Full PDB file with SEQRES, HELIX, SHEET, SSBOND, CRYST1, ORIGX, SCALE, CONECT and MASTER records, all heavy atoms in Angstrom:
SEQRES   1 A   42  ARG SER MET ALA PRO ALA ARG GLY GLN SER GLN PHE VAL          
SEQRES   2 A   42  ALA GLU ALA LEU ARG ALA TYR ILE ALA GLU GLN GLN ARG          
SEQRES   3 A   42  ARG SER LEU ARG GLU ARG LEU ILE ALA GLY TYR GLN ALA          
SEQRES   4 A   42  SER ALA ALA                                                  
HELIX    1 AA1 ALA A    6  GLY A    8  5                                   3    
HELIX    2 AA2 GLN A    9  ALA A   39  1                                  31    
CRYST1    1.000    1.000    1.000  90.00  90.00  90.00 P 1           1          
ORIGX1      1.000000  0.000000  0.000000        0.00000                         
ORIGX2      0.000000  1.000000  0.000000        0.00000                         
ORIGX3      0.000000  0.000000  1.000000        0.00000                         
SCALE1      1.000000  0.000000  0.000000        0.00000                         
SCALE2      0.000000  1.000000  0.000000        0.00000                         
SCALE3      0.000000  0.000000  1.000000        0.00000                         
ATOM      1  N   ARG A   1      -1.699   8.667 -19.358  1.00  0.00           N  
ATOM      2  CA  ARG A   1      -1.012   9.433 -20.413  1.00  0.00           C  
ATOM      3  C   ARG A   1      -0.996  10.933 -20.140  1.00  0.00           C  
ATOM      4  O   ARG A   1      -0.018  11.520 -20.531  1.00  0.00           O  
ATOM      5  CB  ARG A   1      -1.639   9.132 -21.751  1.00  0.00           C  
ATOM      6  CG  ARG A   1      -1.365   7.727 -22.321  1.00  0.00           C  
ATOM      7  CD  ARG A   1      -1.973   7.583 -23.719  1.00  0.00           C  
ATOM      8  NE  ARG A   1      -1.699   6.222 -24.157  1.00  0.00           N  
ATOM      9  CZ  ARG A   1      -2.541   5.169 -24.277  1.00  0.00           C  
ATOM     10  NH1 ARG A   1      -3.844   5.518 -23.970  1.00  0.00           N  
ATOM     11  NH2 ARG A   1      -2.256   4.013 -24.670  1.00  0.00           N  
ATOM     12  N   SER A   2      -2.094  11.448 -19.526  1.00  0.00           N  
ATOM     13  CA  SER A   2      -2.133  12.859 -19.268  1.00  0.00           C  
ATOM     14  C   SER A   2      -1.258  13.288 -18.118  1.00  0.00           C  
ATOM     15  O   SER A   2      -0.875  14.396 -18.058  1.00  0.00           O  
ATOM     16  CB  SER A   2      -3.568  13.313 -19.012  1.00  0.00           C  
ATOM     17  OG  SER A   2      -3.998  12.761 -17.777  1.00  0.00           O  
ATOM     18  N   MET A   3      -1.000  12.323 -17.183  1.00  0.00           N  
ATOM     19  CA  MET A   3      -0.187  12.684 -15.999  1.00  0.00           C  
ATOM     20  C   MET A   3       1.287  12.340 -16.142  1.00  0.00           C  
ATOM     21  O   MET A   3       2.138  12.950 -15.474  1.00  0.00           O  
ATOM     22  CB  MET A   3      -0.800  11.894 -14.780  1.00  0.00           C  
ATOM     23  CG  MET A   3      -2.114  12.389 -14.458  1.00  0.00           C  
ATOM     24  SD  MET A   3      -2.785  11.490 -13.040  1.00  0.00           S  
ATOM     25  CE  MET A   3      -1.842  12.294 -11.777  1.00  0.00           C  
ATOM     26  N   ALA A   4       1.578  11.345 -16.934  1.00  0.00           N  
ATOM     27  CA  ALA A   4       2.991  10.874 -17.113  1.00  0.00           C  
ATOM     28  C   ALA A   4       3.570  11.272 -18.507  1.00  0.00           C  
ATOM     29  O   ALA A   4       2.865  11.285 -19.482  1.00  0.00           O  
ATOM     30  CB  ALA A   4       3.058   9.380 -16.939  1.00  0.00           C  
ATOM     31  N   PRO A   5       4.860  11.664 -18.490  1.00  0.00           N  
ATOM     32  CA  PRO A   5       5.471  11.922 -19.796  1.00  0.00           C  
ATOM     33  C   PRO A   5       5.394  10.741 -20.659  1.00  0.00           C  
ATOM     34  O   PRO A   5       5.351   9.494 -20.155  1.00  0.00           O  
ATOM     35  CB  PRO A   5       6.839  12.273 -19.525  1.00  0.00           C  
ATOM     36  CG  PRO A   5       7.154  11.950 -18.067  1.00  0.00           C  
ATOM     37  CD  PRO A   5       5.755  11.801 -17.427  1.00  0.00           C  
ATOM     38  N   ALA A   6       5.439  10.811 -22.024  1.00  0.00           N  
ATOM     39  CA  ALA A   6       5.327   9.764 -22.995  1.00  0.00           C  
ATOM     40  C   ALA A   6       6.279   8.638 -22.580  1.00  0.00           C  
ATOM     41  O   ALA A   6       5.878   7.424 -22.733  1.00  0.00           O  
ATOM     42  CB  ALA A   6       5.475  10.280 -24.389  1.00  0.00           C  
ATOM     43  N   ARG A   7       7.574   8.864 -22.253  1.00  0.00           N  
ATOM     44  CA  ARG A   7       8.471   7.857 -21.927  1.00  0.00           C  
ATOM     45  C   ARG A   7       8.562   7.503 -20.529  1.00  0.00           C  
ATOM     46  O   ARG A   7       9.462   6.721 -20.112  1.00  0.00           O  
ATOM     47  CB  ARG A   7       9.863   8.197 -22.492  1.00  0.00           C  
ATOM     48  CG  ARG A   7       9.879   8.622 -23.973  1.00  0.00           C  
ATOM     49  CD  ARG A   7       9.516   7.437 -24.837  1.00  0.00           C  
ATOM     50  NE  ARG A   7      10.663   6.588 -25.184  1.00  0.00           N  
ATOM     51  CZ  ARG A   7      10.479   5.305 -25.619  1.00  0.00           C  
ATOM     52  NH1 ARG A   7       9.261   4.867 -25.854  1.00  0.00           N  
ATOM     53  NH2 ARG A   7      11.561   4.578 -25.759  1.00  0.00           N  
ATOM     54  N   GLY A   8       7.629   8.012 -19.716  1.00  0.00           N  
ATOM     55  CA  GLY A   8       7.738   7.737 -18.288  1.00  0.00           C  
ATOM     56  C   GLY A   8       6.485   6.982 -17.715  1.00  0.00           C  
ATOM     57  O   GLY A   8       6.287   6.933 -16.575  1.00  0.00           O  
ATOM     58  N   GLN A   9       5.660   6.414 -18.672  1.00  0.00           N  
ATOM     59  CA  GLN A   9       4.424   5.814 -18.218  1.00  0.00           C  
ATOM     60  C   GLN A   9       4.721   4.558 -17.454  1.00  0.00           C  
ATOM     61  O   GLN A   9       4.009   4.203 -16.440  1.00  0.00           O  
ATOM     62  CB  GLN A   9       3.599   5.508 -19.442  1.00  0.00           C  
ATOM     63  CG  GLN A   9       3.092   6.794 -20.086  1.00  0.00           C  
ATOM     64  CD  GLN A   9       2.390   6.462 -21.369  1.00  0.00           C  
ATOM     65  OE1 GLN A   9       2.208   5.363 -21.820  1.00  0.00           O  
ATOM     66  NE2 GLN A   9       1.933   7.584 -22.002  1.00  0.00           N  
ATOM     67  N   SER A  10       5.766   3.758 -17.779  1.00  0.00           N  
ATOM     68  CA  SER A  10       6.076   2.570 -17.052  1.00  0.00           C  
ATOM     69  C   SER A  10       6.510   2.941 -15.615  1.00  0.00           C  
ATOM     70  O   SER A  10       6.110   2.255 -14.589  1.00  0.00           O  
ATOM     71  CB  SER A  10       7.208   1.843 -17.725  1.00  0.00           C  
ATOM     72  OG  SER A  10       6.789   1.204 -18.980  1.00  0.00           O  
ATOM     73  N   GLN A  11       7.353   3.946 -15.472  1.00  0.00           N  
ATOM     74  CA  GLN A  11       7.738   4.426 -14.194  1.00  0.00           C  
ATOM     75  C   GLN A  11       6.550   4.863 -13.338  1.00  0.00           C  
ATOM     76  O   GLN A  11       6.498   4.582 -12.139  1.00  0.00           O  
ATOM     77  CB  GLN A  11       8.819   5.458 -14.261  1.00  0.00           C  
ATOM     78  CG  GLN A  11       9.311   5.972 -12.977  1.00  0.00           C  
ATOM     79  CD  GLN A  11      10.378   6.998 -13.001  1.00  0.00           C  
ATOM     80  OE1 GLN A  11      10.873   7.325 -14.140  1.00  0.00           O  
ATOM     81  NE2 GLN A  11      10.750   7.576 -11.913  1.00  0.00           N  
ATOM     82  N   PHE A  12       5.655   5.634 -13.968  1.00  0.00           N  
ATOM     83  CA  PHE A  12       4.429   6.042 -13.239  1.00  0.00           C  
ATOM     84  C   PHE A  12       3.706   4.925 -12.736  1.00  0.00           C  
ATOM     85  O   PHE A  12       3.226   4.930 -11.578  1.00  0.00           O  
ATOM     86  CB  PHE A  12       3.583   6.848 -14.263  1.00  0.00           C  
ATOM     87  CG  PHE A  12       2.410   7.488 -13.743  1.00  0.00           C  
ATOM     88  CD1 PHE A  12       2.368   8.721 -13.107  1.00  0.00           C  
ATOM     89  CD2 PHE A  12       1.212   6.751 -13.721  1.00  0.00           C  
ATOM     90  CE1 PHE A  12       1.296   9.306 -12.492  1.00  0.00           C  
ATOM     91  CE2 PHE A  12       0.089   7.367 -13.127  1.00  0.00           C  
ATOM     92  CZ  PHE A  12       0.075   8.599 -12.591  1.00  0.00           C  
ATOM     93  N   VAL A  13       3.383   3.876 -13.555  1.00  0.00           N  
ATOM     94  CA  VAL A  13       2.663   2.702 -13.186  1.00  0.00           C  
ATOM     95  C   VAL A  13       3.391   1.917 -12.078  1.00  0.00           C  
ATOM     96  O   VAL A  13       2.808   1.525 -11.082  1.00  0.00           O  
ATOM     97  CB  VAL A  13       2.332   1.849 -14.367  1.00  0.00           C  
ATOM     98  CG1 VAL A  13       1.742   0.488 -13.965  1.00  0.00           C  
ATOM     99  CG2 VAL A  13       1.438   2.523 -15.349  1.00  0.00           C  
ATOM    100  N   ALA A  14       4.673   1.822 -12.201  1.00  0.00           N  
ATOM    101  CA  ALA A  14       5.486   1.178 -11.140  1.00  0.00           C  
ATOM    102  C   ALA A  14       5.403   1.836  -9.886  1.00  0.00           C  
ATOM    103  O   ALA A  14       5.151   1.264  -8.763  1.00  0.00           O  
ATOM    104  CB  ALA A  14       6.981   1.052 -11.543  1.00  0.00           C  
ATOM    105  N   GLU A  15       5.461   3.114  -9.810  1.00  0.00           N  
ATOM    106  CA  GLU A  15       5.394   3.924  -8.621  1.00  0.00           C  
ATOM    107  C   GLU A  15       4.003   3.845  -7.976  1.00  0.00           C  
ATOM    108  O   GLU A  15       3.876   3.713  -6.796  1.00  0.00           O  
ATOM    109  CB  GLU A  15       5.724   5.395  -8.875  1.00  0.00           C  
ATOM    110  CG  GLU A  15       7.221   5.643  -9.048  1.00  0.00           C  
ATOM    111  CD  GLU A  15       7.560   7.030  -9.463  1.00  0.00           C  
ATOM    112  OE1 GLU A  15       6.695   7.910  -9.396  1.00  0.00           O  
ATOM    113  OE2 GLU A  15       8.779   7.348  -9.823  1.00  0.00           O  
ATOM    114  N   ALA A  16       2.971   3.886  -8.830  1.00  0.00           N  
ATOM    115  CA  ALA A  16       1.611   3.735  -8.378  1.00  0.00           C  
ATOM    116  C   ALA A  16       1.396   2.360  -7.773  1.00  0.00           C  
ATOM    117  O   ALA A  16       0.730   2.250  -6.643  1.00  0.00           O  
ATOM    118  CB  ALA A  16       0.634   3.921  -9.459  1.00  0.00           C  
ATOM    119  N   LEU A  17       1.935   1.295  -8.351  1.00  0.00           N  
ATOM    120  CA  LEU A  17       1.793  -0.054  -7.820  1.00  0.00           C  
ATOM    121  C   LEU A  17       2.504  -0.224  -6.462  1.00  0.00           C  
ATOM    122  O   LEU A  17       2.057  -0.779  -5.504  1.00  0.00           O  
ATOM    123  CB  LEU A  17       2.305  -1.114  -8.741  1.00  0.00           C  
ATOM    124  CG  LEU A  17       1.380  -1.366  -9.992  1.00  0.00           C  
ATOM    125  CD1 LEU A  17       2.005  -2.188 -11.025  1.00  0.00           C  
ATOM    126  CD2 LEU A  17       0.040  -1.899  -9.525  1.00  0.00           C  
ATOM    127  N   ARG A  18       3.703   0.388  -6.324  1.00  0.00           N  
ATOM    128  CA  ARG A  18       4.454   0.358  -5.165  1.00  0.00           C  
ATOM    129  C   ARG A  18       3.714   1.090  -3.988  1.00  0.00           C  
ATOM    130  O   ARG A  18       3.680   0.515  -2.871  1.00  0.00           O  
ATOM    131  CB  ARG A  18       5.810   1.074  -5.293  1.00  0.00           C  
ATOM    132  CG  ARG A  18       6.856   0.170  -5.911  1.00  0.00           C  
ATOM    133  CD  ARG A  18       8.258   0.811  -5.941  1.00  0.00           C  
ATOM    134  NE  ARG A  18       9.273   0.068  -6.730  1.00  0.00           N  
ATOM    135  CZ  ARG A  18       9.519   0.374  -7.958  1.00  0.00           C  
ATOM    136  NH1 ARG A  18       9.087   1.543  -8.470  1.00  0.00           N  
ATOM    137  NH2 ARG A  18      10.303  -0.379  -8.681  1.00  0.00           N  
ATOM    138  N   ALA A  19       3.126   2.181  -4.305  1.00  0.00           N  
ATOM    139  CA  ALA A  19       2.288   2.921  -3.277  1.00  0.00           C  
ATOM    140  C   ALA A  19       1.134   2.088  -2.873  1.00  0.00           C  
ATOM    141  O   ALA A  19       0.810   2.006  -1.708  1.00  0.00           O  
ATOM    142  CB  ALA A  19       1.827   4.302  -3.893  1.00  0.00           C  
ATOM    143  N   TYR A  20       0.499   1.418  -3.808  1.00  0.00           N  
ATOM    144  CA  TYR A  20      -0.739   0.614  -3.524  1.00  0.00           C  
ATOM    145  C   TYR A  20      -0.288  -0.603  -2.635  1.00  0.00           C  
ATOM    146  O   TYR A  20      -0.893  -0.821  -1.636  1.00  0.00           O  
ATOM    147  CB  TYR A  20      -1.381   0.160  -4.701  1.00  0.00           C  
ATOM    148  CG  TYR A  20      -2.574  -0.758  -4.532  1.00  0.00           C  
ATOM    149  CD1 TYR A  20      -3.816  -0.252  -4.187  1.00  0.00           C  
ATOM    150  CD2 TYR A  20      -2.452  -2.111  -4.570  1.00  0.00           C  
ATOM    151  CE1 TYR A  20      -4.913  -1.001  -3.853  1.00  0.00           C  
ATOM    152  CE2 TYR A  20      -3.556  -2.927  -4.351  1.00  0.00           C  
ATOM    153  CZ  TYR A  20      -4.736  -2.403  -4.025  1.00  0.00           C  
ATOM    154  OH  TYR A  20      -5.826  -3.165  -3.732  1.00  0.00           O  
ATOM    155  N   ILE A  21       0.792  -1.197  -2.987  1.00  0.00           N  
ATOM    156  CA  ILE A  21       1.241  -2.386  -2.238  1.00  0.00           C  
ATOM    157  C   ILE A  21       1.653  -2.000  -0.856  1.00  0.00           C  
ATOM    158  O   ILE A  21       1.303  -2.596   0.099  1.00  0.00           O  
ATOM    159  CB  ILE A  21       2.410  -3.075  -2.947  1.00  0.00           C  
ATOM    160  CG1 ILE A  21       1.817  -3.764  -4.286  1.00  0.00           C  
ATOM    161  CG2 ILE A  21       3.051  -4.063  -2.070  1.00  0.00           C  
ATOM    162  CD1 ILE A  21       2.948  -4.191  -5.232  1.00  0.00           C  
ATOM    163  N   ALA A  22       2.386  -0.824  -0.714  1.00  0.00           N  
ATOM    164  CA  ALA A  22       2.729  -0.316   0.679  1.00  0.00           C  
ATOM    165  C   ALA A  22       1.475  -0.094   1.450  1.00  0.00           C  
ATOM    166  O   ALA A  22       1.470  -0.379   2.617  1.00  0.00           O  
ATOM    167  CB  ALA A  22       3.605   0.935   0.501  1.00  0.00           C  
ATOM    168  N   GLU A  23       0.523   0.576   0.915  1.00  0.00           N  
ATOM    169  CA  GLU A  23      -0.752   0.788   1.617  1.00  0.00           C  
ATOM    170  C   GLU A  23      -1.370  -0.436   2.069  1.00  0.00           C  
ATOM    171  O   GLU A  23      -1.916  -0.536   3.222  1.00  0.00           O  
ATOM    172  CB  GLU A  23      -1.670   1.681   0.837  1.00  0.00           C  
ATOM    173  CG  GLU A  23      -3.023   1.936   1.482  1.00  0.00           C  
ATOM    174  CD  GLU A  23      -2.902   2.642   2.824  1.00  0.00           C  
ATOM    175  OE1 GLU A  23      -1.978   3.374   3.041  1.00  0.00           O  
ATOM    176  OE2 GLU A  23      -3.804   2.420   3.688  1.00  0.00           O  
ATOM    177  N   GLN A  24      -1.500  -1.406   1.160  1.00  0.00           N  
ATOM    178  CA  GLN A  24      -2.089  -2.696   1.532  1.00  0.00           C  
ATOM    179  C   GLN A  24      -1.361  -3.464   2.723  1.00  0.00           C  
ATOM    180  O   GLN A  24      -1.944  -4.017   3.512  1.00  0.00           O  
ATOM    181  CB  GLN A  24      -2.110  -3.665   0.346  1.00  0.00           C  
ATOM    182  CG  GLN A  24      -3.088  -3.225  -0.816  1.00  0.00           C  
ATOM    183  CD  GLN A  24      -4.547  -3.053  -0.295  1.00  0.00           C  
ATOM    184  OE1 GLN A  24      -5.099  -3.938   0.350  1.00  0.00           O  
ATOM    185  NE2 GLN A  24      -5.082  -1.837  -0.522  1.00  0.00           N  
ATOM    186  N   GLN A  25       0.007  -3.303   2.565  1.00  0.00           N  
ATOM    187  CA  GLN A  25       0.822  -3.892   3.692  1.00  0.00           C  
ATOM    188  C   GLN A  25       0.621  -3.209   5.022  1.00  0.00           C  
ATOM    189  O   GLN A  25       0.509  -3.818   6.046  1.00  0.00           O  
ATOM    190  CB  GLN A  25       2.283  -3.876   3.331  1.00  0.00           C  
ATOM    191  CG  GLN A  25       2.650  -4.852   2.173  1.00  0.00           C  
ATOM    192  CD  GLN A  25       4.058  -4.707   1.652  1.00  0.00           C  
ATOM    193  OE1 GLN A  25       4.666  -3.696   1.709  1.00  0.00           O  
ATOM    194  NE2 GLN A  25       4.582  -5.784   1.141  1.00  0.00           N  
ATOM    195  N   ARG A  26       0.490  -1.836   4.963  1.00  0.00           N  
ATOM    196  CA  ARG A  26       0.177  -1.115   6.235  1.00  0.00           C  
ATOM    197  C   ARG A  26      -1.144  -1.486   6.781  1.00  0.00           C  
ATOM    198  O   ARG A  26      -1.312  -1.699   7.950  1.00  0.00           O  
ATOM    199  CB  ARG A  26       0.251   0.406   5.914  1.00  0.00           C  
ATOM    200  CG  ARG A  26       1.639   0.983   5.941  1.00  0.00           C  
ATOM    201  CD  ARG A  26       1.650   2.532   5.994  1.00  0.00           C  
ATOM    202  NE  ARG A  26       0.966   3.078   4.752  1.00  0.00           N  
ATOM    203  CZ  ARG A  26       1.687   3.280   3.633  1.00  0.00           C  
ATOM    204  NH1 ARG A  26       3.002   3.060   3.494  1.00  0.00           N  
ATOM    205  NH2 ARG A  26       1.036   3.809   2.539  1.00  0.00           N  
ATOM    206  N   ARG A  27      -2.109  -1.604   5.876  1.00  0.00           N  
ATOM    207  CA  ARG A  27      -3.514  -1.986   6.302  1.00  0.00           C  
ATOM    208  C   ARG A  27      -3.515  -3.417   6.989  1.00  0.00           C  
ATOM    209  O   ARG A  27      -4.192  -3.596   7.936  1.00  0.00           O  
ATOM    210  CB  ARG A  27      -4.459  -1.946   5.097  1.00  0.00           C  
ATOM    211  CG  ARG A  27      -5.895  -2.270   5.471  1.00  0.00           C  
ATOM    212  CD  ARG A  27      -6.836  -2.138   4.333  1.00  0.00           C  
ATOM    213  NE  ARG A  27      -7.039  -0.704   4.145  1.00  0.00           N  
ATOM    214  CZ  ARG A  27      -6.936  -0.127   2.885  1.00  0.00           C  
ATOM    215  NH1 ARG A  27      -6.648  -0.896   1.826  1.00  0.00           N  
ATOM    216  NH2 ARG A  27      -7.101   1.188   2.735  1.00  0.00           N  
ATOM    217  N   SER A  28      -2.808  -4.299   6.296  1.00  0.00           N  
ATOM    218  CA  SER A  28      -2.689  -5.671   6.865  1.00  0.00           C  
ATOM    219  C   SER A  28      -2.054  -5.653   8.215  1.00  0.00           C  
ATOM    220  O   SER A  28      -2.514  -6.361   9.093  1.00  0.00           O  
ATOM    221  CB  SER A  28      -1.987  -6.558   5.856  1.00  0.00           C  
ATOM    222  OG  SER A  28      -1.753  -7.853   6.420  1.00  0.00           O  
ATOM    223  N   LEU A  29      -0.976  -4.930   8.363  1.00  0.00           N  
ATOM    224  CA  LEU A  29      -0.217  -4.844   9.677  1.00  0.00           C  
ATOM    225  C   LEU A  29      -1.134  -4.246  10.640  1.00  0.00           C  
ATOM    226  O   LEU A  29      -1.240  -4.753  11.793  1.00  0.00           O  
ATOM    227  CB  LEU A  29       1.040  -4.026   9.465  1.00  0.00           C  
ATOM    228  CG  LEU A  29       1.743  -3.758  10.820  1.00  0.00           C  
ATOM    229  CD1 LEU A  29       2.244  -5.074  11.456  1.00  0.00           C  
ATOM    230  CD2 LEU A  29       3.048  -2.882  10.563  1.00  0.00           C  
ATOM    231  N   ARG A  30      -1.860  -3.225  10.345  1.00  0.00           N  
ATOM    232  CA  ARG A  30      -2.780  -2.445  11.317  1.00  0.00           C  
ATOM    233  C   ARG A  30      -3.782  -3.483  11.772  1.00  0.00           C  
ATOM    234  O   ARG A  30      -4.157  -3.612  12.948  1.00  0.00           O  
ATOM    235  CB  ARG A  30      -3.384  -1.287  10.606  1.00  0.00           C  
ATOM    236  CG  ARG A  30      -4.284  -0.430  11.548  1.00  0.00           C  
ATOM    237  CD  ARG A  30      -4.779   0.826  10.875  1.00  0.00           C  
ATOM    238  NE  ARG A  30      -3.836   1.484  10.115  1.00  0.00           N  
ATOM    239  CZ  ARG A  30      -3.862   1.741   8.695  1.00  0.00           C  
ATOM    240  NH1 ARG A  30      -4.811   1.199   8.033  1.00  0.00           N  
ATOM    241  NH2 ARG A  30      -2.886   2.326   8.156  1.00  0.00           N  
ATOM    242  N   GLU A  31      -4.426  -4.298  10.834  1.00  0.00           N  
ATOM    243  CA  GLU A  31      -5.445  -5.222  11.226  1.00  0.00           C  
ATOM    244  C   GLU A  31      -4.946  -6.400  12.098  1.00  0.00           C  
ATOM    245  O   GLU A  31      -5.584  -6.800  13.021  1.00  0.00           O  
ATOM    246  CB  GLU A  31      -6.029  -5.896   9.895  1.00  0.00           C  
ATOM    247  CG  GLU A  31      -6.888  -4.852   9.201  1.00  0.00           C  
ATOM    248  CD  GLU A  31      -7.343  -5.346   7.833  1.00  0.00           C  
ATOM    249  OE1 GLU A  31      -6.935  -6.505   7.443  1.00  0.00           O  
ATOM    250  OE2 GLU A  31      -8.074  -4.665   7.119  1.00  0.00           O  
ATOM    251  N   ARG A  32      -3.664  -6.828  11.851  1.00  0.00           N  
ATOM    252  CA  ARG A  32      -3.050  -7.828  12.640  1.00  0.00           C  
ATOM    253  C   ARG A  32      -2.754  -7.299  14.017  1.00  0.00           C  
ATOM    254  O   ARG A  32      -2.931  -8.061  15.026  1.00  0.00           O  
ATOM    255  CB  ARG A  32      -1.703  -8.353  12.033  1.00  0.00           C  
ATOM    256  CG  ARG A  32      -2.038  -9.245  10.744  1.00  0.00           C  
ATOM    257  CD  ARG A  32      -0.772  -9.919  10.256  1.00  0.00           C  
ATOM    258  NE  ARG A  32       0.362  -8.963  10.373  1.00  0.00           N  
ATOM    259  CZ  ARG A  32       1.129  -8.675   9.310  1.00  0.00           C  
ATOM    260  NH1 ARG A  32       0.941  -9.249   8.182  1.00  0.00           N  
ATOM    261  NH2 ARG A  32       2.148  -7.864   9.425  1.00  0.00           N  
ATOM    262  N   LEU A  33      -2.267  -6.085  14.133  1.00  0.00           N  
ATOM    263  CA  LEU A  33      -1.969  -5.410  15.400  1.00  0.00           C  
ATOM    264  C   LEU A  33      -3.267  -5.341  16.244  1.00  0.00           C  
ATOM    265  O   LEU A  33      -3.305  -5.684  17.430  1.00  0.00           O  
ATOM    266  CB  LEU A  33      -1.360  -4.054  15.263  1.00  0.00           C  
ATOM    267  CG  LEU A  33       0.153  -4.142  14.820  1.00  0.00           C  
ATOM    268  CD1 LEU A  33       0.526  -2.716  14.455  1.00  0.00           C  
ATOM    269  CD2 LEU A  33       0.939  -4.730  15.913  1.00  0.00           C  
ATOM    270  N   ILE A  34      -4.316  -4.897  15.624  1.00  0.00           N  
ATOM    271  CA  ILE A  34      -5.584  -4.697  16.275  1.00  0.00           C  
ATOM    272  C   ILE A  34      -6.127  -6.038  16.813  1.00  0.00           C  
ATOM    273  O   ILE A  34      -6.504  -6.128  17.974  1.00  0.00           O  
ATOM    274  CB  ILE A  34      -6.713  -4.067  15.389  1.00  0.00           C  
ATOM    275  CG1 ILE A  34      -6.326  -2.607  15.171  1.00  0.00           C  
ATOM    276  CG2 ILE A  34      -8.053  -4.199  15.940  1.00  0.00           C  
ATOM    277  CD1 ILE A  34      -7.168  -1.959  14.083  1.00  0.00           C  
ATOM    278  N   ALA A  35      -6.040  -7.062  15.928  1.00  0.00           N  
ATOM    279  CA  ALA A  35      -6.467  -8.424  16.383  1.00  0.00           C  
ATOM    280  C   ALA A  35      -5.642  -8.975  17.546  1.00  0.00           C  
ATOM    281  O   ALA A  35      -6.110  -9.485  18.487  1.00  0.00           O  
ATOM    282  CB  ALA A  35      -6.373  -9.391  15.205  1.00  0.00           C  
ATOM    283  N   GLY A  36      -4.354  -8.708  17.521  1.00  0.00           N  
ATOM    284  CA  GLY A  36      -3.455  -9.084  18.532  1.00  0.00           C  
ATOM    285  C   GLY A  36      -3.740  -8.323  19.912  1.00  0.00           C  
ATOM    286  O   GLY A  36      -3.836  -9.036  20.882  1.00  0.00           O  
ATOM    287  N   TYR A  37      -4.032  -7.024  19.772  1.00  0.00           N  
ATOM    288  CA  TYR A  37      -4.334  -6.295  21.037  1.00  0.00           C  
ATOM    289  C   TYR A  37      -5.616  -6.774  21.554  1.00  0.00           C  
ATOM    290  O   TYR A  37      -5.821  -6.969  22.824  1.00  0.00           O  
ATOM    291  CB  TYR A  37      -4.367  -4.817  20.767  1.00  0.00           C  
ATOM    292  CG  TYR A  37      -3.042  -4.298  20.538  1.00  0.00           C  
ATOM    293  CD1 TYR A  37      -2.761  -3.361  19.441  1.00  0.00           C  
ATOM    294  CD2 TYR A  37      -1.983  -4.471  21.441  1.00  0.00           C  
ATOM    295  CE1 TYR A  37      -1.551  -2.778  19.235  1.00  0.00           C  
ATOM    296  CE2 TYR A  37      -0.642  -3.891  21.182  1.00  0.00           C  
ATOM    297  CZ  TYR A  37      -0.502  -3.066  20.080  1.00  0.00           C  
ATOM    298  OH  TYR A  37       0.705  -2.502  19.923  1.00  0.00           O  
ATOM    299  N   GLN A  38      -6.617  -7.005  20.735  1.00  0.00           N  
ATOM    300  CA  GLN A  38      -7.881  -7.450  21.176  1.00  0.00           C  
ATOM    301  C   GLN A  38      -7.821  -8.861  21.722  1.00  0.00           C  
ATOM    302  O   GLN A  38      -8.552  -9.207  22.779  1.00  0.00           O  
ATOM    303  CB  GLN A  38      -8.927  -7.431  20.014  1.00  0.00           C  
ATOM    304  CG  GLN A  38      -9.376  -6.026  19.592  1.00  0.00           C  
ATOM    305  CD  GLN A  38     -10.158  -5.986  18.363  1.00  0.00           C  
ATOM    306  OE1 GLN A  38     -10.216  -6.962  17.628  1.00  0.00           O  
ATOM    307  NE2 GLN A  38     -10.847  -4.885  18.127  1.00  0.00           N  
ATOM    308  N   ALA A  39      -7.033  -9.767  21.234  1.00  0.00           N  
ATOM    309  CA  ALA A  39      -6.857 -11.119  21.691  1.00  0.00           C  
ATOM    310  C   ALA A  39      -6.267 -11.156  23.114  1.00  0.00           C  
ATOM    311  O   ALA A  39      -6.577 -11.957  23.933  1.00  0.00           O  
ATOM    312  CB  ALA A  39      -6.054 -11.921  20.806  1.00  0.00           C  
ATOM    313  N   SER A  40      -5.363 -10.153  23.368  1.00  0.00           N  
ATOM    314  CA  SER A  40      -4.696 -10.127  24.714  1.00  0.00           C  
ATOM    315  C   SER A  40      -5.277  -9.121  25.658  1.00  0.00           C  
ATOM    316  O   SER A  40      -4.737  -8.946  26.775  1.00  0.00           O  
ATOM    317  CB  SER A  40      -3.162  -9.898  24.494  1.00  0.00           C  
ATOM    318  OG  SER A  40      -3.001  -8.630  23.952  1.00  0.00           O  
ATOM    319  N   ALA A  41      -6.369  -8.481  25.293  1.00  0.00           N  
ATOM    320  CA  ALA A  41      -6.937  -7.432  26.113  1.00  0.00           C  
ATOM    321  C   ALA A  41      -7.415  -7.898  27.476  1.00  0.00           C  
ATOM    322  O   ALA A  41      -7.156  -7.370  28.573  1.00  0.00           O  
ATOM    323  CB  ALA A  41      -8.101  -6.839  25.398  1.00  0.00           C  
ATOM    324  N   ALA A  42      -8.017  -9.128  27.487  1.00  0.00           N  
ATOM    325  CA  ALA A  42      -8.535  -9.709  28.748  1.00  0.00           C  
ATOM    326  C   ALA A  42      -7.380 -10.016  29.718  1.00  0.00           C  
ATOM    327  O   ALA A  42      -7.401  -9.691  30.881  1.00  0.00           O  
ATOM    328  CB  ALA A  42      -9.385 -10.916  28.417  1.00  0.00           C  
TER     329      ALA A  42                                                      
MASTER        0    0    0    2    0    0    0    6  328    1    0    4          
END                                                                             
């Protein structure tokens, strides 16, 4: 409420969720890439 305008709270939460989801997807991709590189290192 202190950061978003009274009529913009839904948009604020939606943007925060999108950012969180994007970060989780990047983290998952990074972990899969690391696992793949480690699996084929030998």
